[in-house]
Amino acid sequence: MTISKYDSSNIKILNKKIILKIVHKYRPISRNDIATLTGLKGSSVTRLVSELIEEGHIIEGGMLSTGTPGRKKIMLEINPNYKVSMLLDIGVNTTTLAVGFYDGSVKTLHTFHTPKNAEKFFEKVKKYYTDLEKLYKLSTVVLSVPGMVDISTNTIINAPNIGWKNIRIGEFLEVNVPVLADNEANLSVLAEKYHSKLLGNFSDIVFVLVREGVGTGVLINNSLIRGKFYSAGEFGHMTIDINSSKKCHCGKNGCWELYSSIRYALSKAKKELGLNASSFEELVKLEKAKPVIVDMAKNIGRGIVNIVNAINPEVVILGGAITNMPYYFYHEISKVVRNEALRPANEKVIILPTMFKDISSNLVGANIYAIDYWIDKI
């Protein structure tokens, strides 16, 4: 069978993408090691790497000794400045602005109050974009959204804790680069998968993001599950108490996030213990608040039980406002899952906190989203 010119071109593009993803994952890496990992001929790797260098994707780094006298490997690295993205982590109360680089690194710049009016919010975004353009050659703008996003039309379908519905981003933000947006928990699971060496051997992963609400990002067979109408993974709105009189921002009663969010903990501590903490971080430090924090952990665990029973993930990652919690908090969550989820999943599922301690996982994930976007454009 002969391969047409069209097919040959497609194969070449696919191989370039594969090589670039390998450099992203294993950098620094030599041409020979790429050939070994891909099964491509050395000459093909050399030719495709040369194209990727010429296009600006990768750069030649230092030299590595091969152990053979006189011979050294030229190591390949990602060019961090090939694409620079403006990143926005939209929080219910505050939004964080950052820049992301093509090597996966992120630099946080500024935080500002999140206007509840979408038009005013995007006016701020446009101003920051104009300022950043003077410092960086921006290639992308990425929004991390606490809600459902239709990525095909760039529409924020519903961000209930902010009060945004059917916000067509393009009608509010006109810039001269592509604008991307996705759910914050989706972006968080992308960040973990890209940066964590531990997750390399796992393909079914759930990220539980606890903030003012609760969101989940789901990877199945290494693919992000968004759903036909972009509501997949909205476990924060599964009913956890059918008799509840508590009404969620989504409009129904008894949602998981009503019993597992930082709002729940702050409200319960004030109402039942008289503790008027100004923030969740302050509350966690108060010894008197421990019963509330334990109760919150148990509620998070019960939600995870439902997730484990429903989709059987290999790993569940905890992040957001519960990133740097005391040991007992994670222990309570794990205990509930081990005792209540179905066997053998309850014994085998791995539960661990996010690897990102000093920066939000979804902000890092927003940058990965941009990187994937540009790799796909090769």
Protein backbone atom coordinates (compact mmCIF):
# COMPACT_ATOMS: atom_id res chain seq x y z
CA MET A 1 0.00 0.00 0.00
CA THR A 2 1.38 3.42 -0.94
CA ILE A 3 1.12 6.35 1.44
CA SER A 4 -0.26 9.49 -0.15
CA LYS A 5 1.39 12.86 0.26
CA TYR A 6 -1.55 13.92 2.44
CA ASP A 7 -1.14 10.90 4.71
CA SER A 8 2.62 11.41 4.87
CA SER A 9 2.12 15.03 5.92
CA ASN A 10 -0.32 14.00 8.65
CA ILE A 11 2.10 11.38 9.98
CA LYS A 12 4.88 13.96 10.10
CA ILE A 13 2.69 16.40 12.05
CA LEU A 14 1.65 13.66 14.47
CA ASN A 15 5.27 12.68 15.06
CA LYS A 16 6.23 16.31 15.73
CA LYS A 17 3.47 16.54 18.33
CA ILE A 18 4.60 13.28 19.93
CA ILE A 19 8.21 14.44 20.10
CA LEU A 20 7.22 17.80 21.58
CA LYS A 21 5.07 16.14 24.25
CA ILE A 22 7.97 13.85 25.12
CA VAL A 23 10.32 16.81 25.51
CA HIS A 24 7.70 18.49 27.74
CA LYS A 25 7.45 15.36 29.88
CA TYR A 26 11.05 14.17 30.09
CA ARG A 27 13.14 17.30 29.59
CA PRO A 28 16.07 17.58 29.43
CA ILE A 29 16.26 14.77 26.91
CA SER A 30 18.55 13.85 24.03
CA ARG A 31 17.65 13.03 20.43
CA ASN A 32 18.78 9.45 20.96
CA ASP A 33 16.50 9.03 23.96
CA ILE A 34 13.58 10.42 21.95
CA ALA A 35 14.28 7.85 19.23
CA THR A 36 14.30 5.08 21.84
CA LEU A 37 11.00 6.22 23.39
CA THR A 38 9.18 6.75 20.10
CA GLY A 39 10.64 3.98 17.98
CA LEU A 40 11.37 6.52 15.24
CA LYS A 41 14.56 6.39 13.20
CA GLY A 42 17.35 8.61 14.46
CA SER A 43 17.41 10.52 11.17
CA SER A 44 13.67 11.23 11.44
CA VAL A 45 14.04 12.48 15.01
CA THR A 46 16.95 14.71 14.01
CA ARG A 47 14.96 16.21 11.13
CA LEU A 48 11.78 16.81 13.18
CA VAL A 49 13.70 18.19 16.16
CA SER A 50 15.44 20.63 13.81
CA GLU A 51 12.02 21.84 12.64
CA LEU A 52 10.78 22.23 16.20
CA ILE A 53 13.92 24.23 17.08
CA GLU A 54 13.51 26.41 13.98
CA GLU A 55 9.85 27.05 14.84
CA GLY A 56 10.81 28.02 18.38
CA HIS A 57 9.22 25.20 20.39
CA ILE A 58 12.40 23.74 21.83
CA ILE A 59 15.98 24.79 22.43
CA GLU A 60 19.28 22.99 22.86
CA GLY A 61 20.41 23.07 26.47
CA GLY A 62 23.57 21.75 28.07
CA MET A 63 25.69 18.71 27.34
CA LEU A 64 25.44 15.40 29.18
CA SER A 65 28.25 12.88 29.34
CA THR A 66 27.42 9.47 27.85
CA GLY A 67 30.09 7.67 29.86
CA THR A 68 32.06 7.13 26.66
CA PRO A 69 35.30 9.13 26.34
CA GLY A 70 34.86 12.17 24.12
CA ARG A 71 31.13 11.67 23.57
CA LYS A 72 28.39 13.84 25.03
CA LYS A 73 24.67 14.18 24.40
CA ILE A 74 23.12 17.51 23.47
CA MET A 75 20.09 17.86 25.70
CA LEU A 76 16.82 19.39 24.53
CA GLU A 77 14.65 21.74 26.58
CA ILE A 78 11.35 23.57 26.09
CA ASN A 79 11.70 27.19 25.06
CA PRO A 80 9.82 28.94 27.90
CA ASN A 81 9.26 32.11 25.91
CA TYR A 82 7.85 30.50 22.77
CA LYS A 83 4.33 31.14 24.04
CA VAL A 84 3.43 33.34 27.01
CA SER A 85 -0.12 33.33 28.33
CA MET A 86 -2.09 35.70 30.51
CA LEU A 87 -3.83 33.59 33.16
CA LEU A 88 -6.80 34.47 35.37
CA ASP A 89 -7.95 32.38 38.31
CA ILE A 90 -11.48 33.73 38.83
CA GLY A 91 -12.45 33.31 42.46
CA VAL A 92 -15.79 34.13 44.04
CA ASN A 93 -14.26 37.02 45.97
CA THR A 94 -10.83 37.61 44.41
CA THR A 95 -9.23 36.94 41.04
CA THR A 96 -5.54 36.14 40.63
CA LEU A 97 -3.62 37.36 37.60
CA ALA A 98 -0.53 35.50 36.38
CA VAL A 99 1.59 34.78 33.32
CA GLY A 100 2.33 31.27 32.15
CA PHE A 101 5.28 30.12 30.09
CA TYR A 102 5.64 27.36 27.52
CA ASP A 103 7.73 25.19 29.85
CA GLY A 104 4.81 24.94 32.30
CA SER A 105 6.07 27.52 34.78
CA VAL A 106 3.75 30.22 36.13
CA LYS A 107 4.45 33.62 37.67
CA THR A 108 1.75 35.15 39.87
CA LEU A 109 1.46 38.92 39.47
CA HIS A 110 -1.56 40.42 41.19
CA THR A 111 -4.92 39.82 42.85
CA PHE A 112 -8.04 41.96 42.57
CA HIS A 113 -11.64 41.93 43.77
CA THR A 114 -13.92 39.93 41.47
CA PRO A 115 -16.76 42.18 40.27
CA LYS A 116 -20.08 40.35 40.29
CA ASN A 117 -20.99 42.25 37.15
CA ALA A 118 -19.42 40.39 34.21
CA GLU A 119 -19.01 43.51 32.08
CA LYS A 120 -17.03 45.27 34.81
CA PHE A 121 -14.93 42.14 35.35
CA PHE A 122 -13.89 41.96 31.71
CA GLU A 123 -13.17 45.68 31.64
CA LYS A 124 -10.56 44.99 34.33
CA VAL A 125 -9.23 42.02 32.36
CA LYS A 126 -8.81 44.17 29.23
CA LYS A 127 -6.91 46.78 31.20
CA TYR A 128 -4.54 44.20 32.67
CA TYR A 129 -4.08 42.67 29.22
CA THR A 130 -3.07 46.05 27.80
CA ASP A 131 -0.55 46.54 30.62
CA LEU A 132 0.91 43.05 30.26
CA GLU A 133 1.33 43.44 26.51
CA LYS A 134 3.99 46.03 27.24
CA LEU A 135 6.03 43.48 29.21
CA TYR A 136 5.39 40.20 27.38
CA LYS A 137 4.60 39.00 23.90
CA LEU A 138 1.29 37.43 24.87
CA SER A 139 -0.04 34.55 22.81
CA THR A 140 -3.11 33.46 24.78
CA VAL A 141 -5.54 34.49 27.52
CA VAL A 142 -6.88 31.66 29.71
CA LEU A 143 -9.69 31.93 32.25
CA SER A 144 -10.15 29.49 35.11
CA VAL A 145 -13.87 29.58 35.92
CA PRO A 146 -15.69 28.36 39.07
CA GLY A 147 -18.52 26.86 37.05
CA MET A 148 -19.59 25.20 33.82
CA VAL A 149 -17.96 26.33 30.57
CA ASP A 150 -18.93 25.50 26.99
CA ILE A 151 -15.45 25.39 25.46
CA SER A 152 -16.84 25.11 21.92
CA THR A 153 -18.48 28.56 22.08
CA ASN A 154 -16.37 30.05 24.89
CA THR A 155 -19.46 30.57 27.02
CA ILE A 156 -19.62 30.52 30.80
CA ILE A 157 -22.84 28.51 31.10
CA ASN A 158 -23.24 28.90 34.83
CA ALA A 159 -20.94 30.08 37.62
CA PRO A 160 -23.53 29.95 40.43
CA ASN A 161 -21.36 31.27 43.25
CA ILE A 162 -20.66 34.44 41.25
CA GLY A 163 -24.08 34.69 39.64
CA TRP A 164 -22.89 34.51 36.02
CA LYS A 165 -25.05 32.70 33.47
CA ASN A 166 -24.65 32.36 29.70
CA ILE A 167 -21.72 34.79 29.52
CA ARG A 168 -20.31 34.76 25.99
CA ILE A 169 -16.72 35.76 26.66
CA GLY A 170 -16.14 37.05 23.13
CA GLU A 171 -18.87 39.66 23.60
CA PHE A 172 -17.06 41.10 26.63
CA LEU A 173 -13.38 40.62 25.80
CA GLU A 174 -11.84 41.51 22.46
CA VAL A 175 -8.08 40.98 22.26
CA ASN A 176 -5.73 40.06 19.44
CA VAL A 177 -4.91 36.58 20.78
CA PRO A 178 -6.99 33.42 21.35
CA VAL A 179 -9.05 33.42 24.57
CA LEU A 180 -9.59 30.05 26.28
CA ALA A 181 -11.70 29.15 29.32
CA ASP A 182 -12.53 26.04 31.32
CA ASN A 183 -13.77 24.89 34.70
CA GLU A 184 -11.26 25.40 37.53
CA ALA A 185 -11.31 21.75 38.65
CA ASN A 186 -10.78 20.54 35.07
CA LEU A 187 -7.70 22.74 34.87
CA SER A 188 -6.49 21.50 38.24
CA VAL A 189 -6.45 17.87 37.17
CA LEU A 190 -4.56 18.86 33.99
CA ALA A 191 -1.93 20.55 36.15
CA GLU A 192 -1.46 17.50 38.36
CA LYS A 193 -1.15 15.15 35.41
CA TYR A 194 1.39 17.36 33.63
CA HIS A 195 3.66 18.09 36.61
CA SER A 196 3.35 15.05 38.90
CA LYS A 197 5.76 12.16 38.34
CA LEU A 198 3.67 10.09 40.75
CA LEU A 199 0.65 10.21 38.43
CA GLY A 200 2.56 8.95 35.40
CA ASN A 201 1.30 5.41 35.89
CA PHE A 202 -2.34 6.38 36.51
CA SER A 203 -4.97 7.22 33.91
CA ASP A 204 -8.20 7.59 35.96
CA ILE A 205 -7.91 10.60 38.27
CA VAL A 206 -10.37 12.89 40.06
CA PHE A 207 -9.42 16.29 41.44
CA VAL A 208 -11.68 17.62 44.23
CA LEU A 209 -11.40 21.40 44.48
CA VAL A 210 -12.85 22.88 47.67
CA ARG A 211 -13.33 26.62 47.87
CA GLU A 212 -16.52 28.65 48.34
CA GLY A 213 -18.07 25.76 46.42
CA VAL A 214 -16.89 22.26 45.52
CA GLY A 215 -15.87 21.23 42.02
CA THR A 216 -14.33 18.11 40.51
CA GLY A 217 -12.16 17.53 37.47
CA VAL A 218 -12.24 14.02 36.01
CA LEU A 219 -9.66 12.24 33.84
CA ILE A 220 -10.67 8.84 32.43
CA ASN A 221 -8.12 6.99 30.30
CA ASN A 222 -6.03 10.19 30.46
CA SER A 223 -8.83 12.17 28.77
CA LEU A 224 -10.63 15.08 30.43
CA ILE A 225 -14.33 14.32 30.75
CA ARG A 226 -16.46 17.41 30.16
CA GLY A 227 -19.68 15.78 28.97
CA LYS A 228 -21.91 16.47 25.98
CA PHE A 229 -23.31 19.63 27.56
CA TYR A 230 -20.24 20.45 29.70
CA SER A 231 -21.73 19.50 33.06
CA ALA A 232 -19.67 16.33 33.63
CA GLY A 233 -17.82 16.32 36.92
CA GLU A 234 -20.24 18.66 38.70
CA PHE A 235 -20.22 16.39 41.73
CA GLY A 236 -20.41 19.43 43.98
CA HIS A 237 -24.11 19.53 43.10
CA MET A 238 -24.92 15.88 43.73
CA THR A 239 -27.55 15.53 46.47
CA ILE A 240 -25.88 14.48 49.71
CA ASP A 241 -28.93 15.05 51.97
CA ILE A 242 -32.37 14.42 50.44
CA ASN A 243 -34.10 15.93 53.49
CA SER A 244 -32.05 19.10 53.54
CA SER A 245 -33.74 22.49 53.75
CA LYS A 246 -30.49 24.21 52.68
CA LYS A 247 -30.75 25.74 49.23
CA CYS A 248 -27.69 25.81 46.99
CA HIS A 249 -26.77 28.60 44.57
CA CYS A 250 -27.61 26.13 41.80
CA GLY A 251 -31.26 26.25 42.90
CA LYS A 252 -31.78 22.89 44.60
CA ASN A 253 -31.44 21.61 48.15
CA GLY A 254 -28.94 19.28 49.79
CA CYS A 255 -25.94 19.67 47.44
CA TRP A 256 -22.58 18.24 48.53
CA GLU A 257 -20.92 21.66 48.48
CA LEU A 258 -23.43 22.93 51.07
CA TYR A 259 -21.76 20.59 53.60
CA SER A 260 -18.18 20.54 52.37
CA SER A 261 -17.19 24.07 51.31
CA ILE A 262 -15.33 26.70 53.31
CA ARG A 263 -18.62 28.60 53.54
CA TYR A 264 -20.09 25.65 55.41
CA ALA A 265 -17.21 25.52 57.88
CA LEU A 266 -17.22 29.27 58.56
CA SER A 267 -20.99 29.37 59.00
CA LYS A 268 -21.12 26.31 61.26
CA ALA A 269 -18.26 27.58 63.43
CA LYS A 270 -19.98 30.93 63.90
CA LYS A 271 -23.44 29.50 64.53
CA GLU A 272 -22.55 26.58 66.79
CA LEU A 273 -19.27 27.64 68.41
CA GLY A 274 -19.46 31.43 68.29
CA LEU A 275 -16.22 31.61 66.32
CA ASN A 276 -16.23 34.61 64.00
CA ALA A 277 -13.12 33.88 61.91
CA SER A 278 -12.35 36.30 59.08
CA SER A 279 -11.14 33.53 56.79
CA PHE A 280 -11.03 29.77 56.50
CA GLU A 281 -7.25 29.82 57.02
CA GLU A 282 -7.77 31.62 60.33
CA LEU A 283 -10.50 29.18 61.36
CA VAL A 284 -8.28 26.15 60.78
CA LYS A 285 -5.69 27.56 63.19
CA LEU A 286 -8.22 27.80 66.04
CA GLU A 287 -8.14 24.73 68.30
CA LYS A 288 -11.79 25.29 69.23
CA ALA A 289 -12.74 24.94 65.55
CA LYS A 290 -11.40 21.38 65.25
CA PRO A 291 -14.84 19.70 65.62
CA VAL A 292 -16.13 21.76 62.68
CA ILE A 293 -13.09 20.97 60.56
CA VAL A 294 -13.46 17.27 61.33
CA ASP A 295 -17.15 17.43 60.41
CA MET A 296 -16.27 19.14 57.12
CA ALA A 297 -13.67 16.45 56.38
CA LYS A 298 -16.19 13.68 57.01
CA ASN A 299 -18.65 15.36 54.63
CA ILE A 300 -15.97 15.65 51.95
CA GLY A 301 -15.21 11.97 52.49
CA ARG A 302 -18.87 10.99 52.01
CA GLY A 303 -18.95 12.80 48.70
CA ILE A 304 -15.78 11.05 47.61
CA VAL A 305 -17.42 7.72 48.51
CA ASN A 306 -20.11 8.47 45.91
CA ILE A 307 -17.47 9.41 43.34
CA VAL A 308 -15.46 6.24 43.99
CA ASN A 309 -18.59 4.12 43.71
CA ALA A 310 -19.71 5.91 40.55
CA ILE A 311 -16.58 6.07 38.41
CA ASN A 312 -13.94 4.02 40.26
CA PRO A 313 -10.91 6.36 39.96
CA GLU A 314 -7.41 5.20 40.80
CA VAL A 315 -6.47 8.49 42.46
CA VAL A 316 -8.43 11.28 44.18
CA ILE A 317 -6.56 14.55 44.70
CA LEU A 318 -7.66 17.22 47.19
CA GLY A 319 -6.97 20.89 46.55
CA GLY A 320 -8.15 24.47 46.68
CA ALA A 321 -8.67 25.87 50.18
CA ILE A 322 -7.86 22.46 51.72
CA THR A 323 -4.34 22.29 50.30
CA ASN A 324 -2.34 22.78 53.50
CA MET A 325 -4.61 21.19 56.08
CA PRO A 326 -3.49 19.37 59.26
CA TYR A 327 -2.89 15.63 59.07
CA TYR A 328 -6.08 14.80 60.97
CA PHE A 329 -8.18 16.44 58.24
CA TYR A 330 -6.91 14.12 55.50
CA HIS A 331 -7.05 11.17 57.90
CA GLU A 332 -10.78 11.75 58.52
CA ILE A 333 -11.49 11.92 54.78
CA SER A 334 -9.53 8.74 54.11
CA LYS A 335 -11.19 6.91 57.01
CA VAL A 336 -14.67 7.62 55.66
CA VAL A 337 -13.73 6.44 52.16
CA ARG A 338 -12.05 3.26 53.45
CA ASN A 339 -15.06 2.42 55.62
CA GLU A 340 -17.92 3.34 53.29
CA ALA A 341 -16.90 2.96 49.63
CA LEU A 342 -17.40 -0.34 47.85
CA ARG A 343 -14.66 -2.93 47.91
CA PRO A 344 -12.10 -3.35 46.49
CA ALA A 345 -12.03 0.30 45.35
CA ASN A 346 -12.14 1.57 48.94
CA GLU A 347 -8.87 -0.23 49.65
CA LYS A 348 -7.08 0.59 46.43
CA VAL A 349 -8.01 4.20 45.64
CA ILE A 350 -5.19 6.62 46.49
CA ILE A 351 -6.22 9.85 48.25
CA LEU A 352 -3.66 12.64 48.47
CA PRO A 353 -3.38 16.44 48.65
CA THR A 354 -2.41 18.48 45.62
CA MET A 355 1.28 18.87 44.87
CA PHE A 356 0.80 22.65 44.51
CA LYS A 357 1.34 24.35 47.85
CA ASP A 358 2.25 27.93 46.99
CA ILE A 359 0.15 28.49 43.88
CA SER A 360 -3.36 27.44 42.91
CA SER A 361 -3.50 24.22 40.90
CA ASN A 362 -6.09 25.64 38.51
CA LEU A 363 -3.83 28.58 37.65
CA VAL A 364 -1.08 26.15 36.72
CA GLY A 365 -3.64 24.10 34.80
CA ALA A 366 -4.76 27.16 32.86
CA ASN A 367 -1.21 27.39 31.53
CA ILE A 368 -1.19 23.68 30.62
CA TYR A 369 -4.44 24.24 28.75
CA ALA A 370 -2.72 26.93 26.67
CA ILE A 371 0.31 24.69 26.05
CA ASP A 372 -1.93 21.86 24.84
CA TYR A 373 -3.77 24.33 22.61
CA TRP A 374 -0.55 25.40 20.86
CA ILE A 375 0.81 21.87 20.54
CA ASP A 376 -2.46 20.91 18.85
CA LYS A 377 -1.92 23.78 16.38
CA ILE A 378 1.32 22.30 15.04
